[in-house]
Amino acid sequence: MTEELSFGLELMFVGMGIVFVFLAMLVVAIHVMSALVQRFFPEAPIPPSSKPVLSATSLDKSVVAAITAAVHQHRNKHK
């Protein structure tokens, strides 16, 4: 019984070690790929003239009231 238990524990630790090593390699690979993409394909800055500008006057008052009511109802429901 003791021999079987020690074999089971050994197998468990080997399996957990393999999974840990695989996940560590996966994290390193993701970081390396992210660095490569950011280095060779940087995001172009958005020119200020092309950014959409929303003002309070461009929104319909009924839309603002509906959004306000929905947020209020959600907050009351999830207290």
PDB file of N, CA and C in Angstrom:
ATOM      1  N   MET A   1       0.826  -1.186   0.000  1.00  0.00           N
ATOM      2  CA  MET A   1       0.000   0.000   0.000  1.00  0.00           C
ATOM      3  C   MET A   1       0.870   1.249   0.000  1.00  0.00           C
ATOM      4  N   THR A   2       1.937   1.260   0.766  1.00  0.00           N
ATOM      5  CA  THR A   2       2.810   2.423   0.867  1.00  0.00           C
ATOM      6  C   THR A   2       3.520   2.670  -0.451  1.00  0.00           C
ATOM      7  N   GLU A   3       3.912   1.593  -1.118  1.00  0.00           N
ATOM      8  CA  GLU A   3       4.597   1.720  -2.405  1.00  0.00           C
ATOM      9  C   GLU A   3       3.657   2.325  -3.453  1.00  0.00           C
ATOM     10  N   GLU A   4       2.399   1.900  -3.448  1.00  0.00           N
ATOM     11  CA  GLU A   4       1.429   2.447  -4.396  1.00  0.00           C
ATOM     12  C   GLU A   4       1.152   3.916  -4.114  1.00  0.00           C
ATOM     13  N   LEU A   5       1.078   4.281  -2.840  1.00  0.00           N
ATOM     14  CA  LEU A   5       0.832   5.666  -2.457  1.00  0.00           C
ATOM     15  C   LEU A   5       2.004   6.560  -2.865  1.00  0.00           C
ATOM     16  N   SER A   6       3.221   6.088  -2.644  1.00  0.00           N
ATOM     17  CA  SER A   6       4.381   6.891  -3.032  1.00  0.00           C
ATOM     18  C   SER A   6       4.463   7.029  -4.549  1.00  0.00           C
ATOM     19  N   PHE A   7       4.103   5.964  -5.288  1.00  0.00           N
ATOM     20  CA  PHE A   7       4.082   6.050  -6.748  1.00  0.00           C
ATOM     21  C   PHE A   7       3.016   7.047  -7.210  1.00  0.00           C
ATOM     22  N   GLY A   8       1.874   7.046  -6.566  1.00  0.00           N
ATOM     23  CA  GLY A   8       0.809   7.991  -6.911  1.00  0.00           C
ATOM     24  C   GLY A   8       1.214   9.430  -6.639  1.00  0.00           C
ATOM     25  N   LEU A   9       1.858   9.661  -5.489  1.00  0.00           N
ATOM     26  CA  LEU A   9       2.324  11.008  -5.174  1.00  0.00           C
ATOM     27  C   LEU A   9       3.404  11.462  -6.150  1.00  0.00           C
ATOM     28  N   GLU A  10       4.294  10.565  -6.490  1.00  0.00           N
ATOM     29  CA  GLU A  10       5.350  10.896  -7.456  1.00  0.00           C
ATOM     30  C   GLU A  10       4.739  11.255  -8.806  1.00  0.00           C
ATOM     31  N   LEU A  11       3.788  10.473  -9.252  1.00  0.00           N
ATOM     32  CA  LEU A  11       3.120  10.735 -10.516  1.00  0.00           C
ATOM     33  C   LEU A  11       2.365  12.063 -10.474  1.00  0.00           C
ATOM     34  N   MET A  12       1.737  12.359  -9.346  1.00  0.00           N
ATOM     35  CA  MET A  12       1.006  13.623  -9.198  1.00  0.00           C
ATOM     36  C   MET A  12       1.966  14.814  -9.300  1.00  0.00           C
ATOM     37  N   PHE A  13       3.102  14.747  -8.611  1.00  0.00           N
ATOM     38  CA  PHE A  13       4.047  15.862  -8.637  1.00  0.00           C
ATOM     39  C   PHE A  13       4.696  16.019 -10.013  1.00  0.00           C
ATOM     40  N   VAL A  14       4.970  14.931 -10.681  1.00  0.00           N
ATOM     41  CA  VAL A  14       5.519  15.014 -12.039  1.00  0.00           C
ATOM     42  C   VAL A  14       4.504  15.665 -12.974  1.00  0.00           C
ATOM     43  N   GLY A  15       3.257  15.259 -12.865  1.00  0.00           N
ATOM     44  CA  GLY A  15       2.213  15.851 -13.701  1.00  0.00           C
ATOM     45  C   GLY A  15       2.022  17.326 -13.415  1.00  0.00           C
ATOM     46  N   MET A  16       1.999  17.694 -12.146  1.00  0.00           N
ATOM     47  CA  MET A  16       1.848  19.107 -11.791  1.00  0.00           C
ATOM     48  C   MET A  16       3.055  19.917 -12.244  1.00  0.00           C
ATOM     49  N   GLY A  17       4.229  19.322 -12.177  1.00  0.00           N
ATOM     50  CA  GLY A  17       5.440  20.010 -12.646  1.00  0.00           C
ATOM     51  C   GLY A  17       5.403  20.242 -14.143  1.00  0.00           C
ATOM     52  N   ILE A  18       4.943  19.249 -14.889  1.00  0.00           N
ATOM     53  CA  ILE A  18       4.846  19.394 -16.344  1.00  0.00           C
ATOM     54  C   ILE A  18       3.845  20.491 -16.704  1.00  0.00           C
ATOM     55  N   VAL A  19       2.713  20.510 -16.029  1.00  0.00           N
ATOM     56  CA  VAL A  19       1.708  21.552 -16.289  1.00  0.00           C
ATOM     57  C   VAL A  19       2.265  22.926 -15.932  1.00  0.00           C
ATOM     58  N   PHE A  20       2.962  23.040 -14.811  1.00  0.00           N
ATOM     59  CA  PHE A  20       3.542  24.322 -14.409  1.00  0.00           C
ATOM     60  C   PHE A  20       4.568  24.806 -15.425  1.00  0.00           C
ATOM     61  N   VAL A  21       5.434  23.914 -15.883  1.00  0.00           N
ATOM     62  CA  VAL A  21       6.449  24.291 -16.873  1.00  0.00           C
ATOM     63  C   VAL A  21       5.780  24.716 -18.178  1.00  0.00           C
ATOM     64  N   PHE A  22       4.758  23.999 -18.609  1.00  0.00           N
ATOM     65  CA  PHE A  22       4.055  24.363 -19.833  1.00  0.00           C
ATOM     66  C   PHE A  22       3.410  25.741 -19.703  1.00  0.00           C
ATOM     67  N   LEU A  23       2.745  26.007 -18.587  1.00  0.00           N
ATOM     68  CA  LEU A  23       2.095  27.303 -18.407  1.00  0.00           C
ATOM     69  C   LEU A  23       3.116  28.434 -18.321  1.00  0.00           C
ATOM     70  N   ALA A  24       4.252  28.185 -17.681  1.00  0.00           N
ATOM     71  CA  ALA A  24       5.303  29.206 -17.614  1.00  0.00           C
ATOM     72  C   ALA A  24       5.847  29.504 -19.012  1.00  0.00           C
ATOM     73  N   MET A  25       6.051  28.460 -19.814  1.00  0.00           N
ATOM     74  CA  MET A  25       6.515  28.666 -21.194  1.00  0.00           C
ATOM     75  C   MET A  25       5.475  29.415 -22.006  1.00  0.00           C
ATOM     76  N   LEU A  26       4.208  29.144 -21.777  1.00  0.00           N
ATOM     77  CA  LEU A  26       3.127  29.828 -22.484  1.00  0.00           C
ATOM     78  C   LEU A  26       3.114  31.317 -22.138  1.00  0.00           C
ATOM     79  N   VAL A  27       3.289  31.657 -20.868  1.00  0.00           N
ATOM     80  CA  VAL A  27       3.327  33.064 -20.451  1.00  0.00           C
ATOM     81  C   VAL A  27       4.520  33.768 -21.093  1.00  0.00           C
ATOM     82  N   VAL A  28       5.675  33.137 -21.087  1.00  0.00           N
ATOM     83  CA  VAL A  28       6.864  33.733 -21.703  1.00  0.00           C
ATOM     84  C   VAL A  28       6.642  33.926 -23.203  1.00  0.00           C
ATOM     85  N   ALA A  29       6.062  32.944 -23.874  1.00  0.00           N
ATOM     86  CA  ALA A  29       5.825  33.058 -25.313  1.00  0.00           C
ATOM     87  C   ALA A  29       4.847  34.189 -25.624  1.00  0.00           C
ATOM     88  N   ILE A  30       3.834  34.351 -24.810  1.00  0.00           N
ATOM     89  CA  ILE A  30       2.865  35.432 -25.024  1.00  0.00           C
ATOM     90  C   ILE A  30       3.533  36.793 -24.834  1.00  0.00           C
ATOM     91  N   HIS A  31       4.378  36.926 -23.821  1.00  0.00           N
ATOM     92  CA  HIS A  31       5.082  38.192 -23.603  1.00  0.00           C
ATOM     93  C   HIS A  31       6.037  38.498 -24.759  1.00  0.00           C
ATOM     94  N   VAL A  32       6.736  37.496 -25.245  1.00  0.00           N
ATOM     95  CA  VAL A  32       7.661  37.704 -26.361  1.00  0.00           C
ATOM     96  C   VAL A  32       6.899  38.110 -27.617  1.00  0.00           C
ATOM     97  N   MET A  33       5.791  37.420 -27.911  1.00  0.00           N
ATOM     98  CA  MET A  33       5.001  37.776 -29.096  1.00  0.00           C
ATOM     99  C   MET A  33       4.429  39.177 -28.964  1.00  0.00           C
ATOM    100  N   SER A  34       3.984  39.550 -27.784  1.00  0.00           N
ATOM    101  CA  SER A  34       3.441  40.894 -27.570  1.00  0.00           C
ATOM    102  C   SER A  34       4.520  41.945 -27.805  1.00  0.00           C
ATOM    103  N   ALA A  35       5.715  41.709 -27.301  1.00  0.00           N
ATOM    104  CA  ALA A  35       6.810  42.656 -27.504  1.00  0.00           C
ATOM    105  C   ALA A  35       7.170  42.769 -28.984  1.00  0.00           C
ATOM    106  N   LEU A  36       7.184  41.639 -29.696  1.00  0.00           N
ATOM    107  CA  LEU A  36       7.501  41.671 -31.127  1.00  0.00           C
ATOM    108  C   LEU A  36       6.441  42.430 -31.920  1.00  0.00           C
ATOM    109  N   VAL A  37       5.186  42.205 -31.609  1.00  0.00           N
ATOM    110  CA  VAL A  37       4.115  42.898 -32.324  1.00  0.00           C
ATOM    111  C   VAL A  37       4.180  44.396 -32.051  1.00  0.00           C
ATOM    112  N   GLN A  38       4.412  44.779 -30.800  1.00  0.00           N
ATOM    113  CA  GLN A  38       4.486  46.204 -30.473  1.00  0.00           C
ATOM    114  C   GLN A  38       5.704  46.857 -31.112  1.00  0.00           C
ATOM    115  N   ARG A  39       6.777  46.096 -31.282  1.00  0.00           N
ATOM    116  CA  ARG A  39       7.993  46.671 -31.864  1.00  0.00           C
ATOM    117  C   ARG A  39       7.872  46.839 -33.369  1.00  0.00           C
ATOM    118  N   PHE A  40       7.371  45.826 -34.065  1.00  0.00           N
ATOM    119  CA  PHE A  40       7.342  45.855 -35.522  1.00  0.00           C
ATOM    120  C   PHE A  40       6.033  46.401 -36.099  1.00  0.00           C
ATOM    121  N   PHE A  41       4.974  46.412 -35.335  1.00  0.00           N
ATOM    122  CA  PHE A  41       3.687  46.931 -35.800  1.00  0.00           C
ATOM    123  C   PHE A  41       3.105  47.892 -34.769  1.00  0.00           C
ATOM    124  N   PRO A  42       3.748  49.048 -34.563  1.00  0.00           N
ATOM    125  CA  PRO A  42       3.220  49.982 -33.552  1.00  0.00           C
ATOM    126  C   PRO A  42       1.908  50.590 -34.034  1.00  0.00           C
ATOM    127  N   GLU A  43       1.084  50.962 -33.068  1.00  0.00           N
ATOM    128  CA  GLU A  43      -0.195  51.579 -33.400  1.00  0.00           C
ATOM    129  C   GLU A  43       0.054  53.015 -33.843  1.00  0.00           C
ATOM    130  N   ALA A  44      -0.572  53.378 -34.942  1.00  0.00           N
ATOM    131  CA  ALA A  44      -0.442  54.740 -35.425  1.00  0.00           C
ATOM    132  C   ALA A  44      -1.293  55.657 -34.555  1.00  0.00           C
ATOM    133  N   PRO A  45      -0.753  56.818 -34.147  1.00  0.00           N
ATOM    134  CA  PRO A  45      -1.559  57.725 -33.329  1.00  0.00           C
ATOM    135  C   PRO A  45      -2.709  58.310 -34.135  1.00  0.00           C
ATOM    136  N   ILE A  46      -3.832  58.493 -33.482  1.00  0.00           N
ATOM    137  CA  ILE A  46      -5.017  59.025 -34.144  1.00  0.00           C
ATOM    138  C   ILE A  46      -4.891  60.545 -34.195  1.00  0.00           C
ATOM    139  N   PRO A  47      -5.007  61.131 -35.373  1.00  0.00           N
ATOM    140  CA  PRO A  47      -4.936  62.594 -35.446  1.00  0.00           C
ATOM    141  C   PRO A  47      -6.109  63.224 -34.698  1.00  0.00           C
ATOM    142  N   PRO A  48      -5.889  64.359 -34.052  1.00  0.00           N
ATOM    143  CA  PRO A  48      -6.949  64.974 -33.243  1.00  0.00           C
ATOM    144  C   PRO A  48      -8.188  65.348 -34.056  1.00  0.00           C
ATOM    145  N   SER A  49      -8.027  65.634 -35.342  1.00  0.00           N
ATOM    146  CA  SER A  49      -9.175  66.060 -36.133  1.00  0.00           C
ATOM    147  C   SER A  49     -10.138  64.914 -36.435  1.00  0.00           C
ATOM    148  N   SER A  50      -9.663  63.675 -36.407  1.00  0.00           N
ATOM    149  CA  SER A  50     -10.526  62.551 -36.752  1.00  0.00           C
ATOM    150  C   SER A  50     -11.223  61.922 -35.550  1.00  0.00           C
ATOM    151  N   LYS A  51     -10.922  62.407 -34.348  1.00  0.00           N
ATOM    152  CA  LYS A  51     -11.575  61.857 -33.165  1.00  0.00           C
ATOM    153  C   LYS A  51     -13.023  62.340 -33.113  1.00  0.00           C
ATOM    154  N   PRO A  52     -13.973  61.447 -32.855  1.00  0.00           N
ATOM    155  CA  PRO A  52     -15.362  61.888 -32.761  1.00  0.00           C
ATOM    156  C   PRO A  52     -15.584  62.698 -31.490  1.00  0.00           C
ATOM    157  N   VAL A  53     -16.311  63.758 -31.621  1.00  0.00           N
ATOM    158  CA  VAL A  53     -16.592  64.635 -30.491  1.00  0.00           C
ATOM    159  C   VAL A  53     -18.088  64.617 -30.238  1.00  0.00           C
ATOM    160  N   LEU A  54     -18.459  64.248 -29.012  1.00  0.00           N
ATOM    161  CA  LEU A  54     -19.863  64.259 -28.628  1.00  0.00           C
ATOM    162  C   LEU A  54     -20.087  65.392 -27.649  1.00  0.00           C
ATOM    163  N   SER A  55     -21.089  66.143 -27.890  1.00  0.00           N
ATOM    164  CA  SER A  55     -21.435  67.206 -26.952  1.00  0.00           C
ATOM    165  C   SER A  55     -22.809  66.909 -26.374  1.00  0.00           C
ATOM    166  N   ALA A  56     -23.116  67.550 -25.295  1.00  0.00           N
ATOM    167  CA  ALA A  56     -24.401  67.314 -24.643  1.00  0.00           C
ATOM    168  C   ALA A  56     -25.557  67.765 -25.524  1.00  0.00           C
ATOM    169  N   THR A  57     -25.316  68.741 -26.384  1.00  0.00           N
ATOM    170  CA  THR A  57     -26.397  69.232 -27.237  1.00  0.00           C
ATOM    171  C   THR A  57     -26.696  68.282 -28.381  1.00  0.00           C
ATOM    172  N   SER A  58     -25.735  67.395 -28.735  1.00  0.00           N
ATOM    173  CA  SER A  58     -25.962  66.485 -29.855  1.00  0.00           C
ATOM    174  C   SER A  58     -26.779  65.257 -29.441  1.00  0.00           C
ATOM    175  N   LEU A  59     -26.954  65.035 -28.134  1.00  0.00           N
ATOM    176  CA  LEU A  59     -27.724  63.892 -27.665  1.00  0.00           C
ATOM    177  C   LEU A  59     -29.183  64.293 -27.460  1.00  0.00           C
ATOM    178  N   ASP A  60     -30.058  63.378 -27.830  1.00  0.00           N
ATOM    179  CA  ASP A  60     -31.483  63.619 -27.642  1.00  0.00           C
ATOM    180  C   ASP A  60     -31.820  63.482 -26.164  1.00  0.00           C
ATOM    181  N   LYS A  61     -32.640  64.366 -25.634  1.00  0.00           N
ATOM    182  CA  LYS A  61     -32.974  64.344 -24.210  1.00  0.00           C
ATOM    183  C   LYS A  61     -33.710  63.075 -23.807  1.00  0.00           C
ATOM    184  N   SER A  62     -34.488  62.488 -24.721  1.00  0.00           N
ATOM    185  CA  SER A  62     -35.191  61.252 -24.385  1.00  0.00           C
ATOM    186  C   SER A  62     -34.210  60.083 -24.267  1.00  0.00           C
ATOM    187  N   VAL A  63     -33.127  60.107 -25.069  1.00  0.00           N
ATOM    188  CA  VAL A  63     -32.102  59.055 -24.970  1.00  0.00           C
ATOM    189  C   VAL A  63     -31.377  59.177 -23.643  1.00  0.00           C
ATOM    190  N   VAL A  64     -31.036  60.394 -23.260  1.00  0.00           N
ATOM    191  CA  VAL A  64     -30.355  60.614 -21.982  1.00  0.00           C
ATOM    192  C   VAL A  64     -31.243  60.169 -20.829  1.00  0.00           C
ATOM    193  N   ALA A  65     -32.530  60.455 -20.898  1.00  0.00           N
ATOM    194  CA  ALA A  65     -33.456  60.046 -19.838  1.00  0.00           C
ATOM    195  C   ALA A  65     -33.570  58.531 -19.765  1.00  0.00           C
ATOM    196  N   ALA A  66     -33.608  57.862 -20.920  1.00  0.00           N
ATOM    197  CA  ALA A  66     -33.706  56.399 -20.935  1.00  0.00           C
ATOM    198  C   ALA A  66     -32.457  55.758 -20.354  1.00  0.00           C
ATOM    199  N   ILE A  67     -31.301  56.293 -20.708  1.00  0.00           N
ATOM    200  CA  ILE A  67     -30.039  55.742 -20.182  1.00  0.00           C
ATOM    201  C   ILE A  67     -29.965  55.964 -18.678  1.00  0.00           C
ATOM    202  N   THR A  68     -30.346  57.150 -18.222  1.00  0.00           N
ATOM    203  CA  THR A  68     -30.328  57.448 -16.789  1.00  0.00           C
ATOM    204  C   THR A  68     -31.255  56.516 -16.022  1.00  0.00           C
ATOM    205  N   ALA A  69     -32.446  56.287 -16.575  1.00  0.00           N
ATOM    206  CA  ALA A  69     -33.394  55.385 -15.911  1.00  0.00           C
ATOM    207  C   ALA A  69     -32.864  53.958 -15.866  1.00  0.00           C
ATOM    208  N   ALA A  70     -32.231  53.513 -16.937  1.00  0.00           N
ATOM    209  CA  ALA A  70     -31.688  52.153 -16.973  1.00  0.00           C
ATOM    210  C   ALA A  70     -30.563  51.979 -15.963  1.00  0.00           C
ATOM    211  N   VAL A  71     -29.672  52.968 -15.864  1.00  0.00           N
ATOM    212  CA  VAL A  71     -28.576  52.894 -14.895  1.00  0.00           C
ATOM    213  C   VAL A  71     -29.136  52.897 -13.472  1.00  0.00           C
ATOM    214  N   HIS A  72     -30.111  53.750 -13.205  1.00  0.00           N
ATOM    215  CA  HIS A  72     -30.721  53.814 -11.880  1.00  0.00           C
ATOM    216  C   HIS A  72     -31.384  52.481 -11.509  1.00  0.00           C
ATOM    217  N   GLN A  73     -32.098  51.896 -12.468  1.00  0.00           N
ATOM    218  CA  GLN A  73     -32.765  50.613 -12.218  1.00  0.00           C
ATOM    219  C   GLN A  73     -31.740  49.510 -11.972  1.00  0.00           C
ATOM    220  N   HIS A  74     -30.652  49.502 -12.730  1.00  0.00           N
ATOM    221  CA  HIS A  74     -29.616  48.472 -12.550  1.00  0.00           C
ATOM    222  C   HIS A  74     -28.957  48.606 -11.188  1.00  0.00           C
ATOM    223  N   ARG A  75     -28.657  49.832 -10.784  1.00  0.00           N
ATOM    224  CA  ARG A  75     -28.005  50.044  -9.484  1.00  0.00           C
ATOM    225  C   ARG A  75     -28.919  49.646  -8.332  1.00  0.00           C
ATOM    226  N   ASN A  76     -30.208  49.921  -8.449  1.00  0.00           N
ATOM    227  CA  ASN A  76     -31.150  49.528  -7.390  1.00  0.00           C
ATOM    228  C   ASN A  76     -31.317  48.019  -7.326  1.00  0.00           C
ATOM    229  N   LYS A  77     -31.270  47.364  -8.474  1.00  0.00           N
ATOM    230  CA  LYS A  77     -31.461  45.913  -8.524  1.00  0.00           C
ATOM    231  C   LYS A  77     -30.266  45.164  -7.956  1.00  0.00           C
ATOM    232  N   HIS A  78     -29.050  45.703  -8.124  1.00  0.00           N
ATOM    233  CA  HIS A  78     -27.839  44.993  -7.736  1.00  0.00           C
ATOM    234  C   HIS A  78     -27.175  45.597  -6.503  1.00  0.00           C
ATOM    235  N   LYS A  79     -27.960  46.035  -5.553  1.00  0.00           N
ATOM    236  CA  LYS A  79     -27.384  46.566  -4.309  1.00  0.00           C
ATOM    237  C   LYS A  79     -27.041  45.463  -3.361  1.00  0.00           C
TER     238      LYS A  79
END
